[in-house]
């Protein structure tokens, strides 16, 4: 009888070890699956980040181009403003007309007489 009980105890112990082993394998499999899911998500985010970086670089290039155009236009306005002032001062020297362009883009004609 003792031998039989010993044998049964061993089987129960082996079954418990076997069950614990199966549970550990199941946990490992779920961790591996979660790891694979996170890797896929990470690759997706890396891809999105690269796309956004490329779009950002393109927008920066466009912004630089627009800023250059704005500077050119500002320079043209200043040159035209200078021509307008020169033209008015030579044609109407007696009445002293001045064209004034303020920072907001409004143009004012200031006149006064020297008499």
C-alpha atoms as a PDB file:
ATOM      1  CA  UNK A   1       0.000   0.000   0.000  1.00  0.00           C
ATOM      2  CA  UNK A   2       2.818   2.312   0.845  1.00  0.00           C
ATOM      3  CA  UNK A   3       4.322   1.735  -2.565  1.00  0.00           C
ATOM      4  CA  UNK A   4       1.014   2.536  -4.226  1.00  0.00           C
ATOM      5  CA  UNK A   5       0.555   5.779  -2.260  1.00  0.00           C
ATOM      6  CA  UNK A   6       4.074   6.780  -3.090  1.00  0.00           C
ATOM      7  CA  UNK A   7       3.374   6.166  -6.754  1.00  0.00           C
ATOM      8  CA  UNK A   8       0.160   8.138  -6.648  1.00  0.00           C
ATOM      9  CA  UNK A   9       1.863  11.033  -4.876  1.00  0.00           C
ATOM     10  CA  UNK A  10       4.504  11.128  -7.535  1.00  0.00           C
ATOM     11  CA  UNK A  11       1.918  11.182 -10.277  1.00  0.00           C
ATOM     12  CA  UNK A  12       0.085  14.047  -8.603  1.00  0.00           C
ATOM     13  CA  UNK A  13       3.366  15.918  -8.283  1.00  0.00           C
ATOM     14  CA  UNK A  14       4.222  15.255 -11.901  1.00  0.00           C
ATOM     15  CA  UNK A  15       0.787  16.344 -12.997  1.00  0.00           C
ATOM     16  CA  UNK A  16       1.130  19.550 -10.968  1.00  0.00           C
ATOM     17  CA  UNK A  17       4.559  20.193 -12.495  1.00  0.00           C
ATOM     18  CA  UNK A  18       3.146  19.413 -15.904  1.00  0.00           C
ATOM     19  CA  UNK A  19       0.222  21.794 -15.381  1.00  0.00           C
ATOM     20  CA  UNK A  20       2.570  24.525 -14.131  1.00  0.00           C
ATOM     21  CA  UNK A  21       4.801  23.965 -17.163  1.00  0.00           C
ATOM     22  CA  UNK A  22       1.814  24.257 -19.521  1.00  0.00           C
ATOM     23  CA  UNK A  23       0.712  27.490 -17.793  1.00  0.00           C
ATOM     24  CA  UNK A  24       4.242  28.926 -18.120  1.00  0.00           C
ATOM     25  CA  UNK A  25       4.326  28.038 -21.831  1.00  0.00           C
ATOM     26  CA  UNK A  26       0.904  29.645 -22.275  1.00  0.00           C
ATOM     27  CA  UNK A  27       2.121  32.829 -20.560  1.00  0.00           C
ATOM     28  CA  UNK A  28       5.272  32.862 -22.700  1.00  0.00           C
ATOM     29  CA  UNK A  29       3.170  32.457 -25.865  1.00  0.00           C
ATOM     30  CA  UNK A  30       0.930  35.364 -24.879  1.00  0.00           C
ATOM     31  CA  UNK A  31       3.971  37.530 -24.124  1.00  0.00           C
ATOM     32  CA  UNK A  32       5.492  36.606 -27.494  1.00  0.00           C
ATOM     33  CA  UNK A  33       2.225  37.496 -29.278  1.00  0.00           C
ATOM     34  CA  UNK A  34       2.042  40.839 -27.454  1.00  0.00           C
ATOM     35  CA  UNK A  35       5.674  41.502 -28.335  1.00  0.00           C
ATOM     36  CA  UNK A  36       4.960  40.798 -32.018  1.00  0.00           C
ATOM     37  CA  UNK A  37       1.940  43.102 -31.921  1.00  0.00           C
ATOM     38  CA  UNK A  38       4.016  45.873 -30.346  1.00  0.00           C
ATOM     39  CA  UNK A  39       6.765  45.377 -32.943  1.00  0.00           C
ATOM     40  CA  UNK A  40       4.209  45.746 -35.767  1.00  0.00           C
ATOM     41  CA  UNK A  41       2.805  48.859 -34.124  1.00  0.00           C
ATOM     42  CA  UNK A  42       6.314  50.259 -33.656  1.00  0.00           C
ATOM     43  CA  UNK A  43       7.177  49.669 -37.332  1.00  0.00           C
ATOM     44  CA  UNK A  44       3.936  51.385 -38.325  1.00  0.00           C
ATOM     45  CA  UNK A  45       4.741  54.386 -36.112  1.00  0.00           C
ATOM     46  CA  UNK A  46       8.282  54.567 -37.485  1.00  0.00           C
ATOM     47  CA  UNK A  47       6.870  54.588 -41.009  1.00  0.00           C
ATOM     48  CA  UNK A  48       4.394  57.346 -40.115  1.00  0.00           C
ATOM     49  CA  UNK A  49       7.178  59.349 -38.475  1.00  0.00           C
ATOM     50  CA  UNK A  50       9.311  59.117 -41.626  1.00  0.00           C
ATOM     51  CA  UNK A  51       6.373  60.265 -43.773  1.00  0.00           C
ATOM     52  CA  UNK A  52       5.736  63.212 -41.463  1.00  0.00           C
ATOM     53  CA  UNK A  53       9.424  64.139 -41.464  1.00  0.00           C
ATOM     54  CA  UNK A  54       9.438  64.126 -45.278  1.00  0.00           C
ATOM     55  CA  UNK A  55       6.289  66.276 -45.397  1.00  0.00           C
ATOM     56  CA  UNK A  56       7.790  68.644 -42.844  1.00  0.00           C
ATOM     57  CA  UNK A  57      10.955  68.979 -44.912  1.00  0.00           C
ATOM     58  CA  UNK A  58       8.888  69.730 -48.027  1.00  0.00           C
ATOM     59  CA  UNK A  59       6.874  72.360 -46.137  1.00  0.00           C
ATOM     60  CA  UNK A  60      10.080  73.977 -44.881  1.00  0.00           C
ATOM     61  CA  UNK A  61      11.423  74.167 -48.439  1.00  0.00           C
ATOM     62  CA  UNK A  62       8.156  75.715 -49.642  1.00  0.00           C
ATOM     63  CA  UNK A  63       8.206  78.186 -46.737  1.00  0.00           C
ATOM     64  CA  UNK A  64      11.767  79.219 -47.604  1.00  0.00           C
ATOM     65  CA  UNK A  65      10.740  79.701 -51.232  1.00  0.00           C
ATOM     66  CA  UNK A  66       7.728  81.832 -50.208  1.00  0.00           C
ATOM     67  CA  UNK A  67       9.872  83.902 -47.854  1.00  0.00           C
ATOM     68  CA  UNK A  68      12.311  84.584 -50.690  1.00  0.00           C
ATOM     69  CA  UNK A  69       9.431  85.696 -52.904  1.00  0.00           C
ATOM     70  CA  UNK A  70       8.105  87.962 -50.135  1.00  0.00           C
ATOM     71  CA  UNK A  71      11.538  89.549 -49.736  1.00  0.00           C
ATOM     72  CA  UNK A  72      11.754  90.117 -53.485  1.00  0.00           C
ATOM     73  CA  UNK A  73       8.301  91.723 -53.495  1.00  0.00           C
ATOM     74  CA  UNK A  74       9.208  93.936 -50.527  1.00  0.00           C
ATOM     75  CA  UNK A  75      12.337  95.047 -52.363  1.00  0.00           C
ATOM     76  CA  UNK A  76      10.291  95.857 -55.481  1.00  0.00           C
ATOM     77  CA  UNK A  77       7.823  97.887 -53.402  1.00  0.00           C
ATOM     78  CA  UNK A  78      10.675  99.848 -51.825  1.00  0.00           C
ATOM     79  CA  UNK A  79      12.218 100.540 -55.245  1.00  0.00           C
ATOM     80  CA  UNK A  80       8.863 101.620 -56.696  1.00  0.00           C
ATOM     81  CA  UNK A  81       8.258 103.758 -53.624  1.00  0.00           C
ATOM     82  CA  UNK A  82      11.620 105.434 -54.200  1.00  0.00           C
ATOM     83  CA  UNK A  83      10.776 106.110 -57.862  1.00  0.00           C
ATOM     84  CA  UNK A  84       7.426 107.593 -56.863  1.00  0.00           C
ATOM     85  CA  UNK A  85       9.091 109.925 -54.362  1.00  0.00           C
ATOM     86  CA  UNK A  86      11.741 111.013 -56.873  1.00  0.00           C
ATOM     87  CA  UNK A  87       9.123 111.597 -59.554  1.00  0.00           C
ATOM     88  CA  UNK A  88       6.878 113.631 -57.313  1.00  0.00           C
ATOM     89  CA  UNK A  89       9.677 115.751 -55.882  1.00  0.00           C
ATOM     90  CA  UNK A  90      11.012 116.703 -59.329  1.00  0.00           C
ATOM     91  CA  UNK A  91       7.624 117.391 -60.935  1.00  0.00           C
ATOM     92  CA  UNK A  92       6.077 119.260 -58.052  1.00  0.00           C
ATOM     93  CA  UNK A  93       8.977 120.904 -56.277  1.00  0.00           C
ATOM     94  CA  UNK A  94       6.944 123.952 -55.293  1.00  0.00           C
ATOM     95  CA  UNK A  95       4.121 122.128 -53.536  1.00  0.00           C
ATOM     96  CA  UNK A  96       6.403 119.613 -51.758  1.00  0.00           C
ATOM     97  CA  UNK A  97       4.311 116.463 -52.086  1.00  0.00           C
ATOM     98  CA  UNK A  98       5.637 113.325 -50.406  1.00  0.00           C
ATOM     99  CA  UNK A  99       4.406 109.785 -50.750  1.00  0.00           C
ATOM    100  CA  UNK A 100       4.626 107.841 -47.514  1.00  0.00           C
ATOM    101  CA  UNK A 101       4.245 104.064 -47.223  1.00  0.00           C
ATOM    102  CA  UNK A 102       3.736 102.800 -43.680  1.00  0.00           C
ATOM    103  CA  UNK A 103       4.472  99.324 -42.311  1.00  0.00           C
ATOM    104  CA  UNK A 104       0.907  98.103 -42.814  1.00  0.00           C
ATOM    105  CA  UNK A 105       1.078  98.850 -46.558  1.00  0.00           C
ATOM    106  CA  UNK A 106      -1.039 102.030 -46.569  1.00  0.00           C
ATOM    107  CA  UNK A 107       0.178 104.844 -48.780  1.00  0.00           C
ATOM    108  CA  UNK A 108      -0.271 108.496 -47.756  1.00  0.00           C
ATOM    109  CA  UNK A 109       0.299 111.649 -49.771  1.00  0.00           C
ATOM    110  CA  UNK A 110       1.602 114.478 -47.620  1.00  0.00           C
ATOM    111  CA  UNK A 111       1.474 117.943 -49.162  1.00  0.00           C
ATOM    112  CA  UNK A 112       2.556 121.342 -47.897  1.00  0.00           C
ATOM    113  CA  UNK A 113       3.401 124.583 -49.579  1.00  0.00           C
ATOM    114  CA  UNK A 114       6.657 126.483 -49.182  1.00  0.00           C
ATOM    115  CA  UNK A 115       4.935 129.852 -49.655  1.00  0.00           C
END
